[in-house]
Structures are given as structure tokens and as C-alpha cells.
Amino acid sequence: MSVPYLDKTNGSIISISSIAALKPTFVGLSYSASKAALDIVSKVMATELGPRIRVNVINPGPVLTNFISNNPVADPEKFAGSFNAMIGRIPLRRAGSSLDIANGVAFLASPEAGFITGANIVMDGGVINI
């Protein structure tokens, strides 16, 4: 188990969820429910593992990845239409990149985030606000 090591090193656990946990999206019930479960599990872990281990979640919005092309049951055409429609509603007018999310992870793992635990950091270009 990693908890003793994380406790000894003042470690940090950072989970990657989705805005689908926070707002209904086109990805469906099981995906949204699993991400919502990850969010609450992380909050419980934050209360149980503090004060030395911080636990946080990043909730990305649309990010350019191979999520659909590697999913054998997804309908790429339906997804592409929904994805492009969502990008048109993003205040920053672009999808996120893997580097955008990695920068959020690096911040949460850093000493600068030393007073952040049990948080959901939404990284979606502002789409969830509309």
C-alpha cells in the first residue's frame, strides 16, 4: 500500500475526473456516475488521510486526446459533433491540451498548493459556467 510512503514523504494524490461529474454531458450515465464517484471518494480520502497527505481532483472539460478513437464502442461521428459544438461554447474558444492538464497536476503536487486538499479543480476553459 502506498499510504505509508505518501505519509512519510508528505505526498499528494491527484485524480483525473471530468466535468461530466458536475454537469450532464453527452458521454452518458455510467461515465458521469463513475467520475462523480471518483470525486466523492477523493473528498473522503482527503478527510481520512490529512493532515500529511493531500487529495485533490482535476475535472477537465474538452481536451484533445485519443479518448474516442481508442474506444471500440464509441460513435466517433456523434462524439465529433458534440465535441465541436461544446468547443463553440467555451469562453476561451479552444479545447484543452494534455499539457494544460499536466500543468494543473504539477501545481497541485507542488508546495504552492500546500493548503489545498479535498478540492475539485475545474479545468475546462469556462464551459461549465455556461
C-alpha atoms as a PDB file:
ATOM      1  CA  MET A   1       0.000   0.000   0.000  1.00  0.00           C
ATOM      2  CA  SER A   2       1.218   3.491  -0.827  1.00  0.00           C
ATOM      3  CA  VAL A   3      -0.243   5.357   2.167  1.00  0.00           C
ATOM      4  CA  PRO A   4       2.774   4.782   4.484  1.00  0.00           C
ATOM      5  CA  TYR A   5       5.134   6.078   1.786  1.00  0.00           C
ATOM      6  CA  LEU A   6       2.915   9.067   0.998  1.00  0.00           C
ATOM      7  CA  ASP A   7       2.583   9.823   4.712  1.00  0.00           C
ATOM      8  CA  LYS A   8       6.345   9.704   5.192  1.00  0.00           C
ATOM      9  CA  THR A   9       7.003  11.962   2.186  1.00  0.00           C
ATOM     10  CA  ASN A  10       4.079  14.396   2.582  1.00  0.00           C
ATOM     11  CA  GLY A  11       2.726  13.010  -0.663  1.00  0.00           C
ATOM     12  CA  SER A  12      -0.211  14.132  -2.709  1.00  0.00           C
ATOM     13  CA  ILE A  13      -2.885  12.152  -4.539  1.00  0.00           C
ATOM     14  CA  ILE A  14      -4.322  13.784  -7.652  1.00  0.00           C
ATOM     15  CA  SER A  15      -7.169  12.102  -9.506  1.00  0.00           C
ATOM     16  CA  ILE A  16      -8.344  12.961 -13.006  1.00  0.00           C
ATOM     17  CA  SER A  17     -12.120  13.138 -13.211  1.00  0.00           C
ATOM     18  CA  SER A  18     -14.266  15.080 -15.683  1.00  0.00           C
ATOM     19  CA  ILE A  19     -16.757  17.908 -15.861  1.00  0.00           C
ATOM     20  CA  ALA A  20     -19.181  15.071 -16.627  1.00  0.00           C
ATOM     21  CA  ALA A  21     -19.196  14.507 -12.848  1.00  0.00           C
ATOM     22  CA  LEU A  22     -20.524  18.023 -12.326  1.00  0.00           C
ATOM     23  CA  LYS A  23     -22.849  18.698 -15.259  1.00  0.00           C
ATOM     24  CA  PRO A  24     -24.775  16.400 -17.601  1.00  0.00           C
ATOM     25  CA  THR A  25     -22.865  15.773 -20.822  1.00  0.00           C
ATOM     26  CA  PHE A  26     -23.126  13.610 -23.924  1.00  0.00           C
ATOM     27  CA  VAL A  27     -20.781  10.922 -22.561  1.00  0.00           C
ATOM     28  CA  GLY A  28     -23.532   9.065 -20.745  1.00  0.00           C
ATOM     29  CA  LEU A  29     -24.730   7.808 -17.418  1.00  0.00           C
ATOM     30  CA  SER A  30     -22.067   5.272 -16.497  1.00  0.00           C
ATOM     31  CA  TYR A  31     -19.165   7.600 -17.339  1.00  0.00           C
ATOM     32  CA  SER A  32     -20.694  10.537 -15.459  1.00  0.00           C
ATOM     33  CA  ALA A  33     -21.580   8.384 -12.449  1.00  0.00           C
ATOM     34  CA  SER A  34     -18.099   6.872 -12.253  1.00  0.00           C
ATOM     35  CA  LYS A  35     -16.491  10.315 -12.358  1.00  0.00           C
ATOM     36  CA  ALA A  36     -18.873  11.644  -9.687  1.00  0.00           C
ATOM     37  CA  ALA A  37     -17.950   8.648  -7.531  1.00  0.00           C
ATOM     38  CA  LEU A  38     -14.253   9.419  -8.015  1.00  0.00           C
ATOM     39  CA  ASP A  39     -14.890  12.999  -6.878  1.00  0.00           C
ATOM     40  CA  ILE A  40     -16.586  11.988  -3.618  1.00  0.00           C
ATOM     41  CA  VAL A  41     -14.110   9.185  -2.894  1.00  0.00           C
ATOM     42  CA  SER A  42     -11.323  11.739  -3.221  1.00  0.00           C
ATOM     43  CA  LYS A  43     -13.052  14.105  -0.802  1.00  0.00           C
ATOM     44  CA  VAL A  44     -13.466  11.305   1.744  1.00  0.00           C
ATOM     45  CA  MET A  45      -9.822  10.316   1.294  1.00  0.00           C
ATOM     46  CA  ALA A  46      -8.801  13.940   1.909  1.00  0.00           C
ATOM     47  CA  THR A  47     -10.530  13.870   5.296  1.00  0.00           C
ATOM     48  CA  GLU A  48      -9.140  10.448   6.194  1.00  0.00           C
ATOM     49  CA  LEU A  49      -5.539  10.960   5.051  1.00  0.00           C
ATOM     50  CA  GLY A  50      -4.957  14.525   6.226  1.00  0.00           C
ATOM     51  CA  PRO A  51      -3.056  16.334   7.502  1.00  0.00           C
ATOM     52  CA  ARG A  52       0.048  14.937   5.808  1.00  0.00           C
ATOM     53  CA  ILE A  53      -1.418  13.571   2.575  1.00  0.00           C
ATOM     54  CA  ARG A  54      -3.375  15.942   0.356  1.00  0.00           C
ATOM     55  CA  VAL A  55      -6.004  14.551  -2.031  1.00  0.00           C
ATOM     56  CA  ASN A  56      -7.417  16.603  -4.905  1.00  0.00           C
ATOM     57  CA  VAL A  57      -9.223  16.125  -8.199  1.00  0.00           C
ATOM     58  CA  ILE A  58      -8.890  17.772 -11.577  1.00  0.00           C
ATOM     59  CA  ASN A  59     -12.114  17.937 -13.594  1.00  0.00           C
ATOM     60  CA  PRO A  60     -11.116  18.559 -17.218  1.00  0.00           C
ATOM     61  CA  GLY A  61     -13.532  19.707 -19.842  1.00  0.00           C
ATOM     62  CA  PRO A  62     -12.976  19.065 -23.533  1.00  0.00           C
ATOM     63  CA  VAL A  63      -9.356  18.062 -24.096  1.00  0.00           C
ATOM     64  CA  LEU A  64      -7.875  16.957 -27.397  1.00  0.00           C
ATOM     65  CA  THR A  65      -6.907  13.315 -26.780  1.00  0.00           C
ATOM     66  CA  ASN A  66      -7.436   9.931 -28.415  1.00  0.00           C
ATOM     67  CA  PHE A  67     -10.225   9.091 -25.919  1.00  0.00           C
ATOM     68  CA  ILE A  68     -12.789   8.272 -28.591  1.00  0.00           C
ATOM     69  CA  SER A  69     -10.513   6.804 -31.270  1.00  0.00           C
ATOM     70  CA  ASN A  70      -9.301   4.221 -28.742  1.00  0.00           C
ATOM     71  CA  ASN A  71     -12.827   3.393 -27.533  1.00  0.00           C
ATOM     72  CA  PRO A  72     -14.311   0.499 -29.543  1.00  0.00           C
ATOM     73  CA  VAL A  73     -17.927   1.238 -28.530  1.00  0.00           C
ATOM     74  CA  ALA A  74     -17.934   4.997 -29.109  1.00  0.00           C
ATOM     75  CA  ASP A  75     -19.558   6.551 -32.157  1.00  0.00           C
ATOM     76  CA  PRO A  76     -16.816   8.888 -33.484  1.00  0.00           C
ATOM     77  CA  GLU A  77     -19.199  10.908 -35.665  1.00  0.00           C
ATOM     78  CA  LYS A  78     -21.668  11.560 -32.833  1.00  0.00           C
ATOM     79  CA  PHE A  79     -18.810  12.421 -30.483  1.00  0.00           C
ATOM     80  CA  ALA A  80     -17.137  14.763 -33.001  1.00  0.00           C
ATOM     81  CA  GLY A  81     -20.364  16.714 -33.475  1.00  0.00           C
ATOM     82  CA  SER A  82     -20.946  17.099 -29.737  1.00  0.00           C
ATOM     83  CA  PHE A  83     -17.279  17.929 -29.090  1.00  0.00           C
ATOM     84  CA  ASN A  84     -17.210  20.621 -31.781  1.00  0.00           C
ATOM     85  CA  ALA A  85     -20.473  22.109 -30.503  1.00  0.00           C
ATOM     86  CA  MET A  86     -19.008  22.274 -26.990  1.00  0.00           C
ATOM     87  CA  ILE A  87     -15.842  23.993 -28.229  1.00  0.00           C
ATOM     88  CA  GLY A  88     -18.018  26.676 -29.794  1.00  0.00           C
ATOM     89  CA  ARG A  89     -19.472  27.411 -26.325  1.00  0.00           C
ATOM     90  CA  ILE A  90     -16.126  27.563 -24.477  1.00  0.00           C
ATOM     91  CA  PRO A  91     -15.315  31.131 -23.427  1.00  0.00           C
ATOM     92  CA  LEU A  92     -11.638  30.535 -24.251  1.00  0.00           C
ATOM     93  CA  ARG A  93     -12.707  29.237 -27.712  1.00  0.00           C
ATOM     94  CA  ARG A  94     -10.444  26.205 -27.716  1.00  0.00           C
ATOM     95  CA  ALA A  95     -10.199  22.699 -26.371  1.00  0.00           C
ATOM     96  CA  GLY A  96      -7.676  21.987 -23.687  1.00  0.00           C
ATOM     97  CA  SER A  97      -4.442  20.136 -24.261  1.00  0.00           C
ATOM     98  CA  SER A  98      -2.767  17.386 -22.318  1.00  0.00           C
ATOM     99  CA  LEU A  99      -0.168  19.961 -21.272  1.00  0.00           C
ATOM    100  CA  ASP A 100      -2.886  22.180 -19.797  1.00  0.00           C
ATOM    101  CA  ILE A 101      -3.979  19.313 -17.552  1.00  0.00           C
ATOM    102  CA  ALA A 102      -0.381  18.338 -16.740  1.00  0.00           C
ATOM    103  CA  ASN A 103       0.264  21.906 -15.570  1.00  0.00           C
ATOM    104  CA  GLY A 104      -2.686  21.609 -13.191  1.00  0.00           C
ATOM    105  CA  VAL A 105      -1.309  18.331 -11.837  1.00  0.00           C
ATOM    106  CA  ALA A 106       2.143  19.893 -11.385  1.00  0.00           C
ATOM    107  CA  PHE A 107       0.615  22.787  -9.459  1.00  0.00           C
ATOM    108  CA  LEU A 108      -1.413  20.529  -7.145  1.00  0.00           C
ATOM    109  CA  ALA A 109       1.662  18.395  -6.460  1.00  0.00           C
ATOM    110  CA  SER A 110       3.801  21.436  -5.676  1.00  0.00           C
ATOM    111  CA  PRO A 111       4.404  23.144  -2.324  1.00  0.00           C
ATOM    112  CA  GLU A 112       2.462  26.149  -3.668  1.00  0.00           C
ATOM    113  CA  ALA A 113      -0.710  24.049  -3.310  1.00  0.00           C
ATOM    114  CA  GLY A 114       0.178  23.025   0.236  1.00  0.00           C
ATOM    115  CA  PHE A 115      -3.105  24.325   1.676  1.00  0.00           C
ATOM    116  CA  ILE A 116      -5.344  22.710  -0.940  1.00  0.00           C
ATOM    117  CA  THR A 117      -6.984  19.379  -0.180  1.00  0.00           C
ATOM    118  CA  GLY A 118     -10.389  17.893  -0.928  1.00  0.00           C
ATOM    119  CA  ALA A 119     -10.759  20.267  -3.867  1.00  0.00           C
ATOM    120  CA  ASN A 120     -12.058  19.830  -7.378  1.00  0.00           C
ATOM    121  CA  ILE A 121     -10.090  21.972  -9.796  1.00  0.00           C
ATOM    122  CA  VAL A 122     -12.199  22.512 -12.899  1.00  0.00           C
ATOM    123  CA  MET A 123     -10.039  22.965 -16.000  1.00  0.00           C
ATOM    124  CA  ASP A 124     -12.487  23.442 -18.837  1.00  0.00           C
ATOM    125  CA  GLY A 125     -11.911  26.826 -20.450  1.00  0.00           C
ATOM    126  CA  GLY A 126     -15.044  28.073 -18.692  1.00  0.00           C
ATOM    127  CA  VAL A 127     -17.566  25.762 -20.399  1.00  0.00           C
ATOM    128  CA  ILE A 128     -19.196  24.519 -17.178  1.00  0.00           C
ATOM    129  CA  ASN A 129     -20.147  28.084 -16.261  1.00  0.00           C
ATOM    130  CA  ILE A 130     -22.466  28.460 -19.232  1.00  0.00           C
END
